[in-house]
Protein backbone atom coordinates (compact mmCIF):
# COMPACT_ATOMS: atom_id res chain seq x y z
CA MET A 1 0.00 0.00 0.00
CA GLY A 2 2.82 2.38 0.83
CA GLN A 3 4.33 1.89 -2.58
CA LYS A 4 1.04 2.71 -4.30
CA ILE A 5 0.57 5.88 -2.31
CA SER A 6 4.11 6.99 -3.10
CA ARG A 7 3.60 6.52 -6.81
CA ARG A 8 0.30 8.35 -6.78
CA GLN A 9 1.90 11.25 -4.97
CA LEU A 10 4.71 11.33 -7.49
CA LEU A 11 2.23 11.25 -10.35
CA ARG A 12 0.10 14.05 -8.97
CA THR A 13 3.14 16.16 -8.18
CA GLY A 14 4.44 15.70 -11.72
CA ALA A 15 1.08 16.66 -13.17
CA LEU A 16 0.90 19.81 -11.06
CA LEU A 17 4.40 20.82 -12.01
CA ALA A 18 3.66 20.18 -15.68
CA GLY A 19 0.59 22.35 -15.56
CA GLY A 20 2.28 25.24 -13.81
CA LEU A 21 5.44 25.77 -15.81
CA PRO A 22 5.67 28.28 -18.65
CA VAL A 23 6.15 27.27 -22.26
CA ALA A 24 9.39 28.51 -23.80
CA ASN A 25 9.38 30.70 -26.86
CA GLY A 26 10.10 28.90 -30.10
CA LEU A 27 9.14 25.53 -28.62
CA LEU A 28 7.46 24.36 -31.81
CA GLY A 29 10.76 23.91 -33.60
CA LYS A 30 12.27 21.94 -30.73
CA VAL A 31 9.21 19.74 -30.45
CA GLN A 32 9.17 19.03 -34.17
CA ALA A 33 12.85 18.08 -34.15
CA ASN A 34 12.65 15.96 -31.01
CA PRO A 35 9.10 14.85 -30.19
CA LEU A 36 9.96 14.13 -26.56
CA TYR A 37 8.69 16.89 -24.36
CA PRO A 38 11.26 19.64 -23.69
CA SER A 39 12.86 20.29 -20.35
CA GLY A 40 10.46 21.41 -17.63
CA TYR A 41 7.41 19.25 -18.27
CA GLY A 42 7.29 16.17 -16.11
CA MET A 43 11.00 15.66 -16.64
CA GLY A 44 12.71 12.77 -14.91
CA SER A 45 15.33 10.14 -15.64
CA GLY A 46 15.11 6.50 -16.56
CA ALA A 47 16.95 3.65 -14.85
CA ASP A 48 19.73 3.91 -17.42
CA GLY A 49 20.20 7.62 -16.73
CA THR A 50 18.43 8.75 -19.90
CA ILE A 51 16.51 11.97 -19.47
CA ILE A 52 12.82 11.31 -19.88
CA SER A 53 10.87 14.47 -20.60
CA GLY A 54 7.41 13.16 -21.32
CA SER A 55 5.50 11.33 -24.00
CA LYS A 56 5.53 12.22 -27.68
CA VAL A 57 1.83 12.93 -27.38
CA TRP A 58 2.77 16.19 -25.63
CA ALA A 59 4.43 17.35 -28.84
CA GLU A 60 1.05 17.47 -30.49
CA ARG A 61 -0.30 19.66 -27.72
CA GLU A 62 2.51 22.11 -28.22
CA ILE A 63 2.07 22.16 -31.98
CA ALA A 64 -1.61 22.96 -31.47
CA LEU A 65 -0.84 25.73 -28.98
CA HIS A 66 1.64 27.37 -31.34
CA ALA A 67 -0.27 26.86 -34.58
CA PRO A 68 -1.33 30.04 -36.37
CA ALA A 69 -4.99 31.05 -36.20
CA GLU A 70 -5.27 30.68 -39.96
CA LEU A 71 -4.28 26.99 -39.91
CA LYS A 72 -5.58 25.42 -43.12
CA ALA A 73 -4.88 21.80 -42.29
CA ARG A 74 -4.53 20.19 -38.85
CA LEU A 75 -2.55 17.09 -39.80
CA PHE A 76 -0.38 16.48 -36.74
CA ALA A 77 -2.56 14.67 -34.19
CA ASN A 78 -4.15 11.61 -35.87
CA GLU A 79 -7.67 12.85 -35.22
CA ASN A 80 -10.81 11.99 -37.18
CA PRO A 81 -11.96 15.27 -38.75
CA PHE A 82 -15.26 13.70 -39.83
CA GLY A 83 -16.51 12.97 -36.33
CA PRO A 84 -18.18 12.52 -34.00
CA SER A 85 -21.32 11.04 -35.51
CA ASP A 86 -24.66 12.79 -35.59
CA LYS A 87 -25.94 10.28 -33.04
CA ALA A 88 -23.11 11.21 -30.70
CA LYS A 89 -23.73 14.94 -31.13
CA LYS A 90 -27.44 14.49 -30.46
CA ALA A 91 -26.70 12.44 -27.35
CA VAL A 92 -24.41 15.15 -25.98
CA LEU A 93 -27.15 17.77 -26.35
CA GLU A 94 -29.76 15.53 -24.78
CA ALA A 95 -27.45 14.78 -21.84
CA LEU A 96 -26.77 18.44 -21.03
CA PRO A 97 -29.90 19.16 -18.92
CA LYS A 98 -28.94 16.40 -16.48
CA SER A 99 -25.19 16.90 -16.68
CA TYR A 100 -25.25 18.23 -13.11
CA GLN A 101 -25.76 14.61 -12.03
CA TYR A 102 -22.95 12.10 -11.57
CA PRO A 103 -22.98 9.66 -14.50
CA PHE A 104 -23.49 6.45 -12.50
CA MET A 105 -26.53 5.36 -14.48
CA PHE A 106 -24.76 5.53 -17.86
CA LEU A 107 -21.82 3.31 -16.98
CA ARG A 108 -23.79 0.08 -16.87
CA ASP A 109 -25.12 0.64 -20.40
CA ILE A 110 -21.78 1.28 -22.09
CA TYR A 111 -20.00 -1.50 -20.16
CA GLN A 112 -22.69 -3.95 -21.23
CA LYS A 113 -22.61 -2.79 -24.86
CA ILE A 114 -18.87 -3.34 -25.05
CA ALA A 115 -19.10 -6.67 -23.23
CA ASP A 116 -21.84 -7.96 -25.53
CA HIS A 117 -19.97 -6.92 -28.68
CA GLU A 118 -16.61 -8.34 -27.59
CA GLY A 119 -17.97 -11.50 -26.00
CA VAL A 120 -16.61 -10.74 -22.54
CA THR A 121 -18.17 -9.73 -19.23
CA PRO A 122 -18.32 -6.22 -17.75
CA ASP A 123 -15.77 -7.45 -15.19
CA ASN A 124 -13.26 -7.69 -18.05
CA ILE A 125 -13.59 -3.97 -18.82
CA LEU A 126 -12.17 -0.80 -17.33
CA MET A 127 -13.07 2.56 -18.84
CA ALA A 128 -11.51 6.00 -18.48
CA ALA A 129 -11.43 9.42 -20.12
CA GLY A 130 -9.56 8.20 -23.19
CA SER A 131 -7.01 5.39 -23.20
CA SER A 132 -4.22 7.66 -21.89
CA PRO A 133 -5.15 7.29 -18.19
CA LEU A 134 -5.20 3.52 -18.66
CA LEU A 135 -1.78 3.51 -20.32
CA GLN A 136 -0.56 5.61 -17.41
CA ALA A 137 -2.12 3.21 -14.89
CA ALA A 138 -0.28 0.29 -16.49
CA ALA A 139 2.98 2.27 -16.54
CA ILE A 140 2.75 2.87 -12.80
CA CYS A 141 1.36 -0.55 -11.91
CA PHE A 142 4.12 -2.51 -13.62
CA SER A 143 7.03 -0.31 -12.61
CA LYS A 144 9.37 -1.89 -10.10
CA PRO A 145 12.91 -1.22 -8.85
CA GLY A 146 15.35 -2.73 -11.30
CA GLY A 147 12.59 -3.61 -13.72
CA ASN A 148 12.24 -2.98 -17.42
CA ILE A 149 9.57 -2.40 -20.03
CA ILE A 150 9.90 -3.47 -23.66
CA SER A 151 8.48 -1.63 -26.68
CA GLY A 152 9.17 -1.25 -30.37
CA ASP A 153 11.26 1.59 -31.75
CA PRO A 154 9.72 3.70 -33.05
CA SER A 155 6.35 3.13 -31.46
CA TYR A 156 3.84 5.06 -29.37
CA GLU A 157 5.77 6.25 -26.34
CA ASP A 158 3.10 7.30 -23.86
CA LEU A 159 3.15 4.16 -21.72
CA PRO A 160 6.87 3.27 -21.79
CA SER A 161 8.02 6.88 -21.33
CA LYS A 162 5.86 7.17 -18.22
CA ALA A 163 7.19 3.86 -16.89
CA ALA A 164 10.69 5.25 -17.34
CA ARG A 165 9.82 8.13 -15.01
CA PHE A 166 9.50 5.55 -12.26
CA ASN A 167 13.04 4.32 -12.92
CA GLU A 168 11.90 1.50 -15.15
CA LYS A 169 14.53 0.65 -17.76
CA TRP A 170 13.06 1.19 -21.21
CA ILE A 171 14.21 -1.41 -23.72
CA LYS A 172 13.57 -0.18 -27.26
CA VAL A 173 13.60 -2.89 -29.92
CA PRO A 174 14.13 -1.54 -33.47
CA VAL A 175 11.46 -2.28 -36.05
CA THR A 176 12.18 -4.65 -38.92
CA ALA A 177 13.35 -3.68 -42.39
CA ASP A 178 9.72 -3.38 -43.46
CA TYR A 179 8.98 -1.09 -40.49
CA LYS A 180 6.96 -3.61 -38.46
CA LEU A 181 7.40 -4.42 -34.79
CA ASP A 182 10.03 -7.14 -34.42
CA LEU A 183 8.19 -9.70 -32.30
CA ASP A 184 11.05 -12.21 -32.33
CA ALA A 185 13.54 -9.63 -31.03
CA MET A 186 11.06 -8.33 -28.47
CA GLU A 187 10.50 -11.84 -27.15
CA LYS A 188 14.26 -12.40 -26.87
CA ALA A 189 14.55 -9.17 -24.85
CA VAL A 190 12.20 -10.44 -22.13
CA ASP A 191 14.04 -11.40 -18.94
CA GLY A 192 13.27 -11.93 -15.27
CA ASN A 193 13.10 -8.18 -14.67
CA THR A 194 10.61 -7.40 -17.43
CA GLY A 195 7.40 -5.94 -16.03
CA LEU A 196 5.51 -5.38 -19.26
CA VAL A 197 5.75 -5.81 -23.03
CA TYR A 198 3.99 -3.04 -24.95
CA ILE A 199 2.68 -3.72 -28.46
CA CYS A 200 1.03 -0.95 -30.48
CA ASN A 201 -0.81 -2.61 -33.38
CA PRO A 202 -1.33 -0.97 -35.84
CA ASN A 203 1.83 0.83 -34.87
CA ASN A 204 2.27 4.57 -34.47
CA PRO A 205 4.15 6.22 -36.25
CA THR A 206 4.95 3.58 -38.88
CA ALA A 207 1.26 2.73 -39.56
CA THR A 208 2.22 -0.91 -40.12
CA VAL A 209 0.25 -3.91 -38.84
CA LEU A 210 1.44 -7.29 -37.63
CA ASP A 211 0.35 -10.66 -38.96
CA ALA A 212 -2.59 -11.64 -36.75
CA GLU A 213 -1.61 -15.27 -36.31
CA LYS A 214 1.99 -14.41 -35.49
CA LEU A 215 0.87 -11.88 -32.89
CA LYS A 216 -1.58 -14.36 -31.35
CA ALA A 217 1.18 -16.95 -31.03
CA PHE A 218 3.50 -14.31 -29.55
CA CYS A 219 0.89 -13.30 -26.97
CA GLU A 220 0.23 -16.89 -25.99
CA ARG A 221 3.93 -17.63 -25.41
CA VAL A 222 5.10 -14.38 -23.88
CA SER A 223 2.08 -13.84 -21.61
CA ARG A 224 3.09 -16.97 -19.70
CA ARG A 225 6.18 -15.06 -18.57
CA VAL A 226 5.06 -11.42 -18.44
CA THR A 227 2.00 -9.25 -19.05
CA VAL A 228 1.54 -8.17 -22.67
CA PHE A 229 -0.21 -4.85 -23.31
CA VAL A 230 -1.68 -4.58 -26.82
CA ASP A 231 -2.71 -1.06 -27.79
CA GLU A 232 -5.35 -1.26 -30.53
CA ALA A 233 -6.08 2.45 -30.86
CA TYR A 234 -6.12 2.27 -34.67
CA ILE A 235 -7.70 -1.15 -35.16
CA ASP A 236 -10.95 0.29 -36.54
CA TYR A 237 -9.06 1.42 -39.65
CA LEU A 238 -8.27 -2.18 -40.61
CA PRO A 239 -10.46 -4.12 -43.06
CA ASP A 240 -11.17 -6.83 -40.46
CA PRO A 241 -10.83 -5.52 -36.90
CA ALA A 242 -12.53 -8.60 -35.44
CA GLY A 243 -9.95 -10.84 -37.06
CA MET A 244 -7.02 -8.72 -35.89
CA THR A 245 -7.89 -8.01 -32.26
CA MET A 246 -6.22 -9.78 -29.36
CA VAL A 247 -9.42 -9.79 -27.29
CA GLY A 248 -9.61 -13.50 -28.06
CA ALA A 249 -6.43 -13.97 -26.05
CA VAL A 250 -8.13 -12.36 -23.06
CA LYS A 251 -11.14 -14.63 -23.51
CA ALA A 252 -8.74 -17.59 -23.61
CA GLY A 253 -7.51 -16.59 -20.14
CA GLN A 254 -4.13 -15.21 -21.20
CA ASN A 255 -2.27 -12.47 -19.34
CA ILE A 256 -3.10 -9.85 -21.96
CA ILE A 257 -4.37 -6.28 -21.70
CA VAL A 258 -6.08 -4.87 -24.80
CA ALA A 259 -6.56 -1.09 -25.03
CA ARG A 260 -9.12 0.64 -27.22
CA THR A 261 -10.11 4.27 -27.69
CA PHE A 262 -12.99 6.25 -29.15
CA SER A 263 -10.48 9.00 -30.03
CA LYS A 264 -9.73 7.79 -33.55
CA LEU A 265 -12.40 6.54 -35.97
CA TYR A 266 -15.22 7.45 -33.57
CA GLY A 267 -14.02 11.07 -33.53
CA PHE A 268 -13.92 11.38 -29.72
CA ALA A 269 -10.43 12.85 -29.28
CA GLY A 270 -11.99 15.82 -27.48
CA LEU A 271 -14.79 13.88 -25.77
CA ARG A 272 -12.31 11.44 -24.16
CA VAL A 273 -13.55 7.86 -23.87
CA GLY A 274 -11.37 4.75 -23.81
CA TYR A 275 -11.23 1.31 -22.25
CA ILE A 276 -9.19 -1.80 -21.69
CA ILE A 277 -10.20 -5.45 -21.79
CA ALA A 278 -8.30 -7.78 -19.48
CA GLN A 279 -8.72 -10.51 -16.87
CA PRO A 280 -10.97 -9.38 -13.97
CA ASP A 281 -8.10 -9.53 -11.49
CA MET A 282 -5.99 -7.36 -13.80
CA VAL A 283 -8.84 -4.85 -14.09
CA LYS A 284 -9.00 -4.62 -10.30
CA LYS A 285 -5.25 -4.22 -10.13
CA LEU A 286 -5.21 -1.32 -12.59
CA GLU A 287 -8.18 0.35 -10.87
CA ASP A 288 -5.82 1.28 -8.03
CA TYR A 289 -3.93 3.61 -10.38
CA THR A 290 -6.67 5.48 -12.21
CA GLU A 291 -9.93 7.28 -11.58
CA GLY A 292 -11.42 4.98 -14.21
CA PRO A 293 -14.95 5.51 -15.52
CA MET A 294 -15.75 8.31 -13.08
CA SER A 295 -13.27 10.45 -15.00
CA ILE A 296 -15.60 10.41 -18.03
CA SER A 297 -18.23 13.14 -18.28
CA ALA A 298 -21.91 12.24 -18.50
CA THR A 299 -22.12 13.89 -21.92
CA SER A 300 -19.24 11.83 -23.28
CA LEU A 301 -20.69 8.62 -21.87
CA GLN A 302 -24.03 9.31 -23.50
CA ALA A 303 -22.28 10.00 -26.79
CA ALA A 304 -20.34 6.74 -26.49
CA ILE A 305 -23.49 4.76 -25.78
CA ALA A 306 -25.25 6.30 -28.77
CA SER A 307 -22.43 5.83 -31.26
CA TYR A 308 -20.80 2.57 -30.18
CA GLN A 309 -20.71 0.24 -33.19
CA ASP A 310 -22.63 2.72 -35.34
CA LYS A 311 -21.60 0.79 -38.45
CA GLU A 312 -23.09 3.23 -40.96
CA TYR A 313 -21.15 6.15 -39.53
CA LEU A 314 -17.93 4.19 -39.03
CA GLN A 315 -18.00 2.89 -42.59
CA ASP A 316 -18.61 6.38 -43.96
CA ALA A 317 -15.78 7.92 -41.92
CA LEU A 318 -13.47 5.10 -42.97
CA LYS A 319 -14.41 5.54 -46.64
CA LYS A 320 -13.59 9.27 -46.47
CA THR A 321 -10.32 8.57 -44.66
CA LEU A 322 -9.24 6.04 -47.28
CA ALA A 323 -10.09 8.47 -50.09
CA SER A 324 -7.97 11.19 -48.48
CA ARG A 325 -5.17 8.72 -47.89
CA GLU A 326 -5.15 7.66 -51.56
CA TYR A 327 -5.05 11.33 -52.54
CA LEU A 328 -2.00 11.78 -50.31
CA TYR A 329 -0.32 8.77 -51.87
CA ASP A 330 -0.85 10.27 -55.34
CA VAL A 331 0.60 13.61 -54.27
CA LEU A 332 3.70 11.96 -52.82
CA LYS A 333 4.26 9.76 -55.85
CA LYS A 334 3.86 12.64 -58.29
CA GLU A 335 6.48 14.61 -56.37
CA GLY A 336 8.88 11.67 -56.40
CA TYR A 337 8.51 10.60 -52.77
CA SER A 338 8.15 7.12 -51.30
CA TYR A 339 6.13 6.29 -48.19
CA ILE A 340 5.36 3.47 -45.79
CA ALA A 341 2.05 1.90 -46.81
CA SER A 342 -0.43 2.80 -44.08
CA ASN A 343 -3.02 0.76 -42.20
CA THR A 344 -4.20 3.78 -40.22
CA ASN A 345 -5.24 7.42 -40.52
CA PHE A 346 -1.68 8.70 -40.92
CA VAL A 347 1.26 8.18 -43.27
CA LEU A 348 4.99 8.27 -42.49
CA PHE A 349 7.35 9.15 -45.32
CA PRO A 350 10.98 10.25 -45.80
CA ILE A 351 11.62 13.86 -46.77
CA LYS A 352 14.55 15.57 -48.44
CA MET A 353 15.40 18.14 -45.80
CA ASP A 354 15.78 18.48 -42.06
CA GLY A 355 12.50 17.52 -40.41
CA GLU A 356 12.36 20.53 -38.11
CA HIS A 357 12.87 22.89 -41.02
CA PHE A 358 10.30 21.08 -43.15
CA ALA A 359 7.62 21.14 -40.43
CA SER A 360 8.27 24.81 -39.73
CA GLU A 361 8.01 25.71 -43.40
CA MET A 362 4.77 23.75 -43.74
CA MET A 363 3.39 25.53 -40.68
CA LYS A 364 4.25 28.90 -42.25
CA ARG A 365 1.96 27.81 -45.08
CA GLY A 366 -0.85 26.95 -42.67
CA VAL A 367 -0.32 23.19 -42.61
CA GLY A 368 0.56 21.42 -39.38
CA VAL A 369 2.46 18.11 -39.68
CA ARG A 370 4.84 16.09 -37.48
CA SER A 371 8.51 15.57 -38.17
CA TRP A 372 10.04 12.31 -37.01
CA THR A 373 13.34 10.55 -36.47
CA LEU A 374 13.61 7.04 -37.86
CA ASN A 375 16.71 4.89 -38.41
CA ASN A 376 18.82 7.71 -36.93
CA SER A 377 17.57 10.11 -39.59
CA ASN A 378 15.48 13.15 -38.74
CA LYS A 379 14.31 13.46 -42.33
CA TRP A 380 10.87 11.93 -41.90
CA CYS A 381 7.37 13.39 -41.77
CA ARG A 382 4.15 11.95 -40.38
CA VAL A 383 0.96 13.31 -41.92
CA SER A 384 -2.42 12.66 -40.34
CA ILE A 385 -5.25 12.04 -42.78
CA GLY A 386 -7.67 14.96 -42.91
CA ARG A 387 -10.65 16.12 -44.91
CA MET A 388 -10.09 16.42 -48.64
CA ASP A 389 -9.77 20.20 -48.40
CA GLU A 390 -7.04 19.72 -45.80
CA MET A 391 -5.22 17.25 -48.01
CA GLU A 392 -5.41 19.71 -50.88
CA ALA A 393 -3.92 22.39 -48.62
CA PHE A 394 -1.13 19.95 -47.74
CA ALA A 395 -0.51 19.25 -51.42
CA ALA A 396 -0.25 22.95 -52.28
CA ALA A 397 2.20 23.64 -49.46
CA PHE A 398 4.18 20.46 -50.08
CA LYS A 399 4.69 21.23 -53.77
CA GLU A 400 6.32 24.52 -52.82
CA LEU A 401 8.91 22.64 -50.74
CA SER A 402 9.39 19.35 -52.54
């Protein structure tokens, strides 16, 4: 119990410090060049002495804060610009008159909807205001003195970077030649001190997806030794999400945590709804490190209930996303650029100049994108898929620089 209290106090202290410190002038350029949060925001050090200055997700916040008012295309945060659905919007409005009430009555409905769809029980589910608090809960829960956490490199850094703040050694396993997570190398990296293996599938920022059968076999083997956390934030962009999910591993009794979010295809990045599916005892364990469902507003819960598995809307949003993505592919090819084929709502591609300079020049033209470092080269750009008018704005700005 003492250890839990200590970690909570550390977490809250870090959050307060992060919220109270000023943002340095010219931070956008630094963030674009190095997506880890700059000095002064939740900064700490990992077990190997590496300075950990926050998750890459914070870079997107800083880009948004420093974006010009006349931004033509917001293509840096992997949001769904077509959402939320009309059903979700209507539910928010209808929930407003009673939003002074705590949302106890709505939780049962959404938990049951998810349970029925996934073939699990409500005891297998833990919800929160987006998946971020759940990633954070796992980071704290599985941190231990002398321990380590394993992730791909590059991959989504929210969970492992937070674990590193608690002196967890962060083992980064490079992706394969085709930019996919290297499951064989990740398995070999597991040792007696490993607290958690983090798998982001589809992966961010590479937008690649693993072979489902290979990942299932990996989860079955590795989960006998250590907990495997599978982040499926972008799974709804795949042609067959049901065939790709690792929820079946949870149903089979394996030591797997599966994370989902409404922030992507559902268009809830601002409404904040997410959940995990895991064994009931794991759910109870993680509950100690997060406010859970009571962190979600009544309006957001009502919107989630109304739009969950709204197939007509999801199919329409996916169709528009794929059309914009194909347009982006055509633009890149016509300008002589290659790219990593995407399974998500973003595309990562190599550029011909310094990433910081490229992102800054695009921002001057009203287009926000993310620069990235991959294979020790900072000449990469990640573009989120936007509306067609946003993609056209990207094309116009890109042609001036390419």
